[in-house]
């Protein structure tokens, strides 16, 4: 895990909340994709400048936009944000 990556405890809280794809190819390492989305939000850098350690920028971008349609609004994330951002 790099700087700003999810800790194991944070991932344990977040993973069960993620939607499960019923069709299509598997997303691969979902934790790495989530870390990539978080990196993009934290830095504000263009998607194409994303480090390859998070996977192809197109894949991470696709997951971030697909999640916007599947998750029922930002309120879904606010409930777990307190737990995820709490210092250990």
PDB file of N, CA and C in Angstrom:
ATOM      1  N   UNK A   1       0.845  -1.177   0.000  1.00  0.00           N
ATOM      2  CA  UNK A   1       0.000   0.000   0.000  1.00  0.00           C
ATOM      3  C   UNK A   1       0.886   1.235   0.000  1.00  0.00           C
ATOM      4  N   UNK A   2       0.606   2.125  -0.905  1.00  0.00           N
ATOM      5  CA  UNK A   2       1.361   3.366  -0.981  1.00  0.00           C
ATOM      6  C   UNK A   2       0.732   4.446  -0.112  1.00  0.00           C
ATOM      7  N   UNK A   3       1.333   5.601  -0.157  1.00  0.00           N
ATOM      8  CA  UNK A   3       0.805   6.732   0.594  1.00  0.00           C
ATOM      9  C   UNK A   3      -0.614   7.029   0.129  1.00  0.00           C
ATOM     10  N   UNK A   4      -1.531   7.131   1.050  1.00  0.00           N
ATOM     11  CA  UNK A   4      -2.912   7.425   0.707  1.00  0.00           C
ATOM     12  C   UNK A   4      -3.738   6.211   0.365  1.00  0.00           C
ATOM     13  N   UNK A   5      -3.133   5.022   0.360  1.00  0.00           N
ATOM     14  CA  UNK A   5      -3.881   3.802   0.064  1.00  0.00           C
ATOM     15  C   UNK A   5      -4.731   3.382   1.255  1.00  0.00           C
ATOM     16  N   UNK A   6      -5.712   2.563   0.976  1.00  0.00           N
ATOM     17  CA  UNK A   6      -6.571   2.068   2.043  1.00  0.00           C
ATOM     18  C   UNK A   6      -5.813   1.097   2.939  1.00  0.00           C
ATOM     19  N   UNK A   7      -6.046   1.194   4.223  1.00  0.00           N
ATOM     20  CA  UNK A   7      -5.492   0.214   5.155  1.00  0.00           C
ATOM     21  C   UNK A   7      -6.347  -1.047   5.084  1.00  0.00           C
ATOM     22  N   UNK A   8      -5.870  -2.134   5.654  1.00  0.00           N
ATOM     23  CA  UNK A   8      -6.645  -3.370   5.665  1.00  0.00           C
ATOM     24  C   UNK A   8      -7.961  -3.183   6.413  1.00  0.00           C
ATOM     25  N   UNK A   9      -7.946  -2.431   7.489  1.00  0.00           N
ATOM     26  CA  UNK A   9      -9.163  -2.192   8.262  1.00  0.00           C
ATOM     27  C   UNK A   9     -10.169  -1.374   7.452  1.00  0.00           C
ATOM     28  N   UNK A  10      -9.702  -0.369   6.746  1.00  0.00           N
ATOM     29  CA  UNK A  10     -10.593   0.432   5.912  1.00  0.00           C
ATOM     30  C   UNK A  10     -11.182  -0.399   4.783  1.00  0.00           C
ATOM     31  N   UNK A  11     -10.359  -1.243   4.170  1.00  0.00           N
ATOM     32  CA  UNK A  11     -10.839  -2.091   3.084  1.00  0.00           C
ATOM     33  C   UNK A  11     -11.878  -3.093   3.587  1.00  0.00           C
ATOM     34  N   UNK A  12     -11.686  -3.611   4.800  1.00  0.00           N
ATOM     35  CA  UNK A  12     -12.646  -4.558   5.377  1.00  0.00           C
ATOM     36  C   UNK A  12     -14.020  -3.917   5.543  1.00  0.00           C
ATOM     37  N   UNK A  13     -14.065  -2.623   5.819  1.00  0.00           N
ATOM     38  CA  UNK A  13     -15.342  -1.909   5.950  1.00  0.00           C
ATOM     39  C   UNK A  13     -15.932  -1.619   4.573  1.00  0.00           C
ATOM     40  N   UNK A  14     -15.098  -1.221   3.627  1.00  0.00           N
ATOM     41  CA  UNK A  14     -15.577  -0.778   2.321  1.00  0.00           C
ATOM     42  C   UNK A  14     -15.956  -1.918   1.381  1.00  0.00           C
ATOM     43  N   UNK A  15     -15.205  -2.995   1.360  1.00  0.00           N
ATOM     44  CA  UNK A  15     -15.408  -4.054   0.369  1.00  0.00           C
ATOM     45  C   UNK A  15     -16.836  -4.601   0.324  1.00  0.00           C
ATOM     46  N   UNK A  16     -17.480  -4.887   1.463  1.00  0.00           N
ATOM     47  CA  UNK A  16     -18.845  -5.420   1.388  1.00  0.00           C
ATOM     48  C   UNK A  16     -19.866  -4.418   0.828  1.00  0.00           C
ATOM     49  N   UNK A  17     -19.523  -3.137   0.795  1.00  0.00           N
ATOM     50  CA  UNK A  17     -20.448  -2.114   0.308  1.00  0.00           C
ATOM     51  C   UNK A  17     -20.396  -1.935  -1.206  1.00  0.00           C
ATOM     52  N   UNK A  18     -19.375  -2.484  -1.857  1.00  0.00           N
ATOM     53  CA  UNK A  18     -19.211  -2.321  -3.292  1.00  0.00           C
ATOM     54  C   UNK A  18     -20.179  -3.224  -4.049  1.00  0.00           C
ATOM     55  N   UNK A  19     -20.718  -2.736  -5.174  1.00  0.00           N
ATOM     56  CA  UNK A  19     -21.626  -3.574  -5.961  1.00  0.00           C
ATOM     57  C   UNK A  19     -20.874  -4.731  -6.610  1.00  0.00           C
ATOM     58  N   UNK A  20     -21.569  -5.834  -6.811  1.00  0.00           N
ATOM     59  CA  UNK A  20     -20.991  -7.013  -7.445  1.00  0.00           C
ATOM     60  C   UNK A  20     -21.467  -7.034  -8.895  1.00  0.00           C
ATOM     61  N   UNK A  21     -20.530  -7.128  -9.818  1.00  0.00           N
ATOM     62  CA  UNK A  21     -20.883  -7.170 -11.234  1.00  0.00           C
ATOM     63  C   UNK A  21     -21.524  -8.511 -11.557  1.00  0.00           C
ATOM     64  N   UNK A  22     -22.657  -8.456 -12.251  1.00  0.00           N
ATOM     65  CA  UNK A  22     -23.347  -9.687 -12.619  1.00  0.00           C
ATOM     66  C   UNK A  22     -22.992 -10.132 -14.027  1.00  0.00           C
ATOM     67  N   UNK A  23     -22.526  -9.217 -14.857  1.00  0.00           N
ATOM     68  CA  UNK A  23     -22.149  -9.559 -16.221  1.00  0.00           C
ATOM     69  C   UNK A  23     -20.812  -8.903 -16.546  1.00  0.00           C
ATOM     70  N   UNK A  24     -20.220  -9.322 -17.652  1.00  0.00           N
ATOM     71  CA  UNK A  24     -18.972  -8.705 -18.102  1.00  0.00           C
ATOM     72  C   UNK A  24     -17.752  -9.341 -17.472  1.00  0.00           C
ATOM     73  N   UNK A  25     -16.625  -8.764 -17.793  1.00  0.00           N
ATOM     74  CA  UNK A  25     -15.357  -9.263 -17.269  1.00  0.00           C
ATOM     75  C   UNK A  25     -15.187  -8.845 -15.811  1.00  0.00           C
ATOM     76  N   UNK A  26     -14.473  -9.653 -15.025  1.00  0.00           N
ATOM     77  CA  UNK A  26     -14.188  -9.238 -13.644  1.00  0.00           C
ATOM     78  C   UNK A  26     -13.306  -7.993 -13.633  1.00  0.00           C
ATOM     79  N   UNK A  27     -13.480  -7.158 -12.649  1.00  0.00           N
ATOM     80  CA  UNK A  27     -12.764  -5.889 -12.570  1.00  0.00           C
ATOM     81  C   UNK A  27     -11.307  -6.054 -12.155  1.00  0.00           C
ATOM     82  N   UNK A  28     -10.896  -7.237 -11.798  1.00  0.00           N
ATOM     83  CA  UNK A  28      -9.521  -7.419 -11.327  1.00  0.00           C
ATOM     84  C   UNK A  28      -9.436  -7.059  -9.854  1.00  0.00           C
ATOM     85  N   UNK A  29      -8.363  -6.438  -9.480  1.00  0.00           N
ATOM     86  CA  UNK A  29      -8.165  -6.066  -8.081  1.00  0.00           C
ATOM     87  C   UNK A  29      -8.975  -4.809  -7.762  1.00  0.00           C
ATOM     88  N   UNK A  30     -10.098  -4.986  -7.110  1.00  0.00           N
ATOM     89  CA  UNK A  30     -10.974  -3.846  -6.822  1.00  0.00           C
ATOM     90  C   UNK A  30     -10.333  -2.875  -5.847  1.00  0.00           C
ATOM     91  N   UNK A  31      -9.529  -3.375  -4.949  1.00  0.00           N
ATOM     92  CA  UNK A  31      -8.863  -2.485  -3.996  1.00  0.00           C
ATOM     93  C   UNK A  31      -7.919  -1.534  -4.727  1.00  0.00           C
ATOM     94  N   UNK A  32      -7.196  -2.051  -5.709  1.00  0.00           N
ATOM     95  CA  UNK A  32      -6.287  -1.217  -6.487  1.00  0.00           C
ATOM     96  C   UNK A  32      -7.067  -0.162  -7.277  1.00  0.00           C
ATOM     97  N   UNK A  33      -8.229  -0.536  -7.816  1.00  0.00           N
ATOM     98  CA  UNK A  33      -9.064   0.423  -8.543  1.00  0.00           C
ATOM     99  C   UNK A  33      -9.572   1.527  -7.618  1.00  0.00           C
ATOM    100  N   UNK A  34     -10.009   1.149  -6.435  1.00  0.00           N
ATOM    101  CA  UNK A  34     -10.496   2.140  -5.467  1.00  0.00           C
ATOM    102  C   UNK A  34      -9.362   3.081  -5.071  1.00  0.00           C
ATOM    103  N   UNK A  35      -8.164   2.522  -4.848  1.00  0.00           N
ATOM    104  CA  UNK A  35      -7.017   3.382  -4.530  1.00  0.00           C
ATOM    105  C   UNK A  35      -6.716   4.335  -5.682  1.00  0.00           C
ATOM    106  N   UNK A  36      -6.886   3.861  -6.921  1.00  0.00           N
ATOM    107  CA  UNK A  36      -6.682   4.723  -8.083  1.00  0.00           C
ATOM    108  C   UNK A  36      -7.682   5.862  -8.147  1.00  0.00           C
ATOM    109  N   UNK A  37      -8.944   5.554  -7.860  1.00  0.00           N
ATOM    110  CA  UNK A  37      -9.973   6.604  -7.830  1.00  0.00           C
ATOM    111  C   UNK A  37      -9.657   7.606  -6.730  1.00  0.00           C
ATOM    112  N   UNK A  38      -9.262   7.114  -5.569  1.00  0.00           N
ATOM    113  CA  UNK A  38      -8.925   8.002  -4.456  1.00  0.00           C
ATOM    114  C   UNK A  38      -7.719   8.868  -4.794  1.00  0.00           C
ATOM    115  N   UNK A  39      -6.716   8.292  -5.503  1.00  0.00           N
ATOM    116  CA  UNK A  39      -5.550   9.070  -5.916  1.00  0.00           C
ATOM    117  C   UNK A  39      -5.984  10.214  -6.823  1.00  0.00           C
ATOM    118  N   UNK A  40      -6.854   9.914  -7.779  1.00  0.00           N
ATOM    119  CA  UNK A  40      -7.321  10.933  -8.733  1.00  0.00           C
ATOM    120  C   UNK A  40      -8.067  12.053  -8.014  1.00  0.00           C
ATOM    121  N   UNK A  41      -8.929  11.700  -7.073  1.00  0.00           N
ATOM    122  CA  UNK A  41      -9.689  12.710  -6.320  1.00  0.00           C
ATOM    123  C   UNK A  41      -8.746  13.530  -5.437  1.00  0.00           C
ATOM    124  N   UNK A  42      -7.786  12.862  -4.799  1.00  0.00           N
ATOM    125  CA  UNK A  42      -6.864  13.544  -3.892  1.00  0.00           C
ATOM    126  C   UNK A  42      -5.938  14.516  -4.618  1.00  0.00           C
ATOM    127  N   UNK A  43      -5.445  14.113  -5.794  1.00  0.00           N
ATOM    128  CA  UNK A  43      -4.460  14.936  -6.489  1.00  0.00           C
ATOM    129  C   UNK A  43      -5.084  15.920  -7.468  1.00  0.00           C
ATOM    130  N   UNK A  44      -6.239  15.567  -8.017  1.00  0.00           N
ATOM    131  CA  UNK A  44      -6.862  16.421  -9.028  1.00  0.00           C
ATOM    132  C   UNK A  44      -6.158  16.343 -10.374  1.00  0.00           C
ATOM    133  N   UNK A  45      -5.266  15.393 -10.536  1.00  0.00           N
ATOM    134  CA  UNK A  45      -4.519  15.242 -11.791  1.00  0.00           C
ATOM    135  C   UNK A  45      -5.426  14.672 -12.880  1.00  0.00           C
ATOM    136  N   UNK A  46      -5.069  14.889 -14.139  1.00  0.00           N
ATOM    137  CA  UNK A  46      -5.842  14.278 -15.228  1.00  0.00           C
ATOM    138  C   UNK A  46      -5.773  12.751 -15.149  1.00  0.00           C
ATOM    139  N   UNK A  47      -6.834  12.096 -15.617  1.00  0.00           N
ATOM    140  CA  UNK A  47      -6.882  10.640 -15.594  1.00  0.00           C
ATOM    141  C   UNK A  47      -5.671  10.032 -16.287  1.00  0.00           C
ATOM    142  N   UNK A  48      -5.249  10.614 -17.392  1.00  0.00           N
ATOM    143  CA  UNK A  48      -4.139  10.049 -18.163  1.00  0.00           C
ATOM    144  C   UNK A  48      -2.801  10.119 -17.421  1.00  0.00           C
ATOM    145  N   UNK A  49      -2.718  10.918 -16.369  1.00  0.00           N
ATOM    146  CA  UNK A  49      -1.482  11.023 -15.590  1.00  0.00           C
ATOM    147  C   UNK A  49      -1.444  10.056 -14.409  1.00  0.00           C
ATOM    148  N   UNK A  50      -2.445   9.201 -14.299  1.00  0.00           N
ATOM    149  CA  UNK A  50      -2.510   8.257 -13.191  1.00  0.00           C
ATOM    150  C   UNK A  50      -1.353   7.262 -13.271  1.00  0.00           C
ATOM    151  N   UNK A  51      -0.670   7.000 -12.152  1.00  0.00           N
ATOM    152  CA  UNK A  51       0.413   6.011 -12.158  1.00  0.00           C
ATOM    153  C   UNK A  51      -0.113   4.620 -12.544  1.00  0.00           C
ATOM    154  N   UNK A  52       0.696   3.863 -13.256  1.00  0.00           N
ATOM    155  CA  UNK A  52       0.267   2.543 -13.721  1.00  0.00           C
ATOM    156  C   UNK A  52       0.095   1.543 -12.580  1.00  0.00           C
ATOM    157  N   UNK A  53       0.565   1.864 -11.398  1.00  0.00           N
ATOM    158  CA  UNK A  53       0.387   0.954 -10.262  1.00  0.00           C
ATOM    159  C   UNK A  53      -1.085   0.747  -9.927  1.00  0.00           C
ATOM    160  N   UNK A  54      -1.945   1.669 -10.341  1.00  0.00           N
ATOM    161  CA  UNK A  54      -3.381   1.542 -10.100  1.00  0.00           C
ATOM    162  C   UNK A  54      -4.093   0.848 -11.246  1.00  0.00           C
ATOM    163  N   UNK A  55      -3.375   0.471 -12.281  1.00  0.00           N
ATOM    164  CA  UNK A  55      -3.980  -0.140 -13.454  1.00  0.00           C
ATOM    165  C   UNK A  55      -4.093   0.878 -14.572  1.00  0.00           C
ATOM    166  N   UNK A  56      -4.671   0.444 -15.676  1.00  0.00           N
ATOM    167  CA  UNK A  56      -4.857   1.349 -16.811  1.00  0.00           C
ATOM    168  C   UNK A  56      -5.815   2.465 -16.420  1.00  0.00           C
ATOM    169  N   UNK A  57      -5.489   3.693 -16.789  1.00  0.00           N
ATOM    170  CA  UNK A  57      -6.333   4.819 -16.392  1.00  0.00           C
ATOM    171  C   UNK A  57      -7.743   4.655 -16.940  1.00  0.00           C
ATOM    172  N   UNK A  58      -7.877   4.037 -18.117  1.00  0.00           N
ATOM    173  CA  UNK A  58      -9.197   3.850 -18.715  1.00  0.00           C
ATOM    174  C   UNK A  58     -10.064   2.919 -17.855  1.00  0.00           C
ATOM    175  N   UNK A  59      -9.441   1.910 -17.288  1.00  0.00           N
ATOM    176  CA  UNK A  59     -10.167   0.978 -16.424  1.00  0.00           C
ATOM    177  C   UNK A  59     -10.626   1.670 -15.150  1.00  0.00           C
ATOM    178  N   UNK A  60      -9.730   2.416 -14.524  1.00  0.00           N
ATOM    179  CA  UNK A  60     -10.076   3.113 -13.279  1.00  0.00           C
ATOM    180  C   UNK A  60     -11.146   4.159 -13.552  1.00  0.00           C
ATOM    181  N   UNK A  61     -11.011   4.895 -14.650  1.00  0.00           N
ATOM    182  CA  UNK A  61     -12.013   5.894 -15.029  1.00  0.00           C
ATOM    183  C   UNK A  61     -13.369   5.225 -15.259  1.00  0.00           C
ATOM    184  N   UNK A  62     -13.362   4.114 -15.992  1.00  0.00           N
ATOM    185  CA  UNK A  62     -14.615   3.411 -16.259  1.00  0.00           C
ATOM    186  C   UNK A  62     -15.296   2.937 -14.988  1.00  0.00           C
ATOM    187  N   UNK A  63     -14.510   2.457 -14.042  1.00  0.00           N
ATOM    188  CA  UNK A  63     -15.085   2.011 -12.765  1.00  0.00           C
ATOM    189  C   UNK A  63     -15.629   3.181 -11.966  1.00  0.00           C
ATOM    190  N   UNK A  64     -14.962   4.320 -12.054  1.00  0.00           N
ATOM    191  CA  UNK A  64     -15.437   5.475 -11.282  1.00  0.00           C
ATOM    192  C   UNK A  64     -16.742   6.011 -11.848  1.00  0.00           C
ATOM    193  N   UNK A  65     -16.893   6.016 -13.160  1.00  0.00           N
ATOM    194  CA  UNK A  65     -18.131   6.526 -13.747  1.00  0.00           C
ATOM    195  C   UNK A  65     -19.255   5.505 -13.654  1.00  0.00           C
ATOM    196  N   UNK A  66     -18.921   4.213 -13.741  1.00  0.00           N
ATOM    197  CA  UNK A  66     -19.945   3.174 -13.592  1.00  0.00           C
ATOM    198  C   UNK A  66     -20.472   3.168 -12.167  1.00  0.00           C
ATOM    199  N   UNK A  67     -19.607   3.395 -11.201  1.00  0.00           N
ATOM    200  CA  UNK A  67     -20.036   3.434  -9.803  1.00  0.00           C
ATOM    201  C   UNK A  67     -20.986   4.576  -9.523  1.00  0.00           C
ATOM    202  N   UNK A  68     -20.823   5.684 -10.228  1.00  0.00           N
ATOM    203  CA  UNK A  68     -21.725   6.809 -10.028  1.00  0.00           C
ATOM    204  C   UNK A  68     -23.151   6.446 -10.390  1.00  0.00           C
ATOM    205  N   UNK A  69     -23.332   5.587 -11.374  1.00  0.00           N
ATOM    206  CA  UNK A  69     -24.669   5.199 -11.789  1.00  0.00           C
ATOM    207  C   UNK A  69     -25.250   4.116 -10.887  1.00  0.00           C
ATOM    208  N   UNK A  70     -24.390   3.276 -10.289  1.00  0.00           N
ATOM    209  CA  UNK A  70     -24.877   2.148  -9.510  1.00  0.00           C
ATOM    210  C   UNK A  70     -25.123   2.490  -8.043  1.00  0.00           C
ATOM    211  N   UNK A  71     -24.359   3.397  -7.501  1.00  0.00           N
ATOM    212  CA  UNK A  71     -24.497   3.750  -6.089  1.00  0.00           C
ATOM    213  C   UNK A  71     -25.602   4.787  -5.961  1.00  0.00           C
ATOM    214  N   UNK A  72     -26.433   4.626  -4.967  1.00  0.00           N
ATOM    215  CA  UNK A  72     -27.585   5.520  -4.835  1.00  0.00           C
ATOM    216  C   UNK A  72     -27.194   6.818  -4.141  1.00  0.00           C
ATOM    217  N   UNK A  73     -26.472   7.638  -4.854  1.00  0.00           N
ATOM    218  CA  UNK A  73     -26.157   8.973  -4.361  1.00  0.00           C
ATOM    219  C   UNK A  73     -25.003   9.005  -3.390  1.00  0.00           C
ATOM    220  N   UNK A  74     -24.510  10.219  -3.114  1.00  0.00           N
ATOM    221  CA  UNK A  74     -23.362  10.355  -2.220  1.00  0.00           C
ATOM    222  C   UNK A  74     -23.667  10.002  -0.780  1.00  0.00           C
ATOM    223  N   UNK A  75     -24.937   9.968  -0.401  1.00  0.00           N
ATOM    224  CA  UNK A  75     -25.266   9.633   0.981  1.00  0.00           C
ATOM    225  C   UNK A  75     -24.782   8.235   1.339  1.00  0.00           C
ATOM    226  N   UNK A  76     -24.701   7.353   0.354  1.00  0.00           N
ATOM    227  CA  UNK A  76     -24.222   5.992   0.583  1.00  0.00           C
ATOM    228  C   UNK A  76     -22.794   6.016   1.108  1.00  0.00           C
ATOM    229  N   UNK A  77     -21.982   6.904   0.587  1.00  0.00           N
ATOM    230  CA  UNK A  77     -20.575   6.955   0.989  1.00  0.00           C
ATOM    231  C   UNK A  77     -20.362   7.712   2.290  1.00  0.00           C
ATOM    232  N   UNK A  78     -21.220   8.666   2.601  1.00  0.00           N
ATOM    233  CA  UNK A  78     -21.004   9.482   3.791  1.00  0.00           C
ATOM    234  C   UNK A  78     -21.118   8.665   5.068  1.00  0.00           C
ATOM    235  N   UNK A  79     -21.967   7.638   5.070  1.00  0.00           N
ATOM    236  CA  UNK A  79     -22.124   6.829   6.266  1.00  0.00           C
ATOM    237  C   UNK A  79     -20.866   6.079   6.632  1.00  0.00           C
ATOM    238  N   UNK A  80     -20.134   5.599   5.625  1.00  0.00           N
ATOM    239  CA  UNK A  80     -18.913   4.843   5.929  1.00  0.00           C
ATOM    240  C   UNK A  80     -17.683   5.736   5.935  1.00  0.00           C
ATOM    241  N   UNK A  81     -17.800   6.959   5.458  1.00  0.00           N
ATOM    242  CA  UNK A  81     -16.627   7.841   5.389  1.00  0.00           C
ATOM    243  C   UNK A  81     -16.038   8.089   6.771  1.00  0.00           C
ATOM    244  N   UNK A  82     -16.880   8.245   7.784  1.00  0.00           N
ATOM    245  CA  UNK A  82     -16.369   8.475   9.132  1.00  0.00           C
ATOM    246  C   UNK A  82     -15.468   7.334   9.559  1.00  0.00           C
ATOM    247  N   UNK A  83     -15.905   6.080   9.298  1.00  0.00           N
ATOM    248  CA  UNK A  83     -15.118   4.919   9.686  1.00  0.00           C
ATOM    249  C   UNK A  83     -13.851   4.808   8.853  1.00  0.00           C
ATOM    250  N   UNK A  84     -13.944   5.102   7.564  1.00  0.00           N
ATOM    251  CA  UNK A  84     -12.805   4.929   6.681  1.00  0.00           C
ATOM    252  C   UNK A  84     -11.731   5.980   6.917  1.00  0.00           C
ATOM    253  N   UNK A  85     -12.124   7.180   7.269  1.00  0.00           N
ATOM    254  CA  UNK A  85     -11.159   8.263   7.416  1.00  0.00           C
ATOM    255  C   UNK A  85     -10.661   8.447   8.838  1.00  0.00           C
ATOM    256  N   UNK A  86     -11.218   7.679   9.767  1.00  0.00           N
ATOM    257  CA  UNK A  86     -10.801   7.781  11.156  1.00  0.00           C
ATOM    258  C   UNK A  86      -9.369   7.281  11.295  1.00  0.00           C
ATOM    259  N   UNK A  87      -8.487   8.051  11.955  1.00  0.00           N
ATOM    260  CA  UNK A  87      -7.107   7.580  12.139  1.00  0.00           C
ATOM    261  C   UNK A  87      -7.072   6.332  13.017  1.00  0.00           C
ATOM    262  N   UNK A  88      -6.150   5.450  12.719  1.00  0.00           N
ATOM    263  CA  UNK A  88      -6.031   4.182  13.501  1.00  0.00           C
ATOM    264  C   UNK A  88      -5.480   4.452  14.872  1.00  0.00           C
TER     265      UNK A  88
END
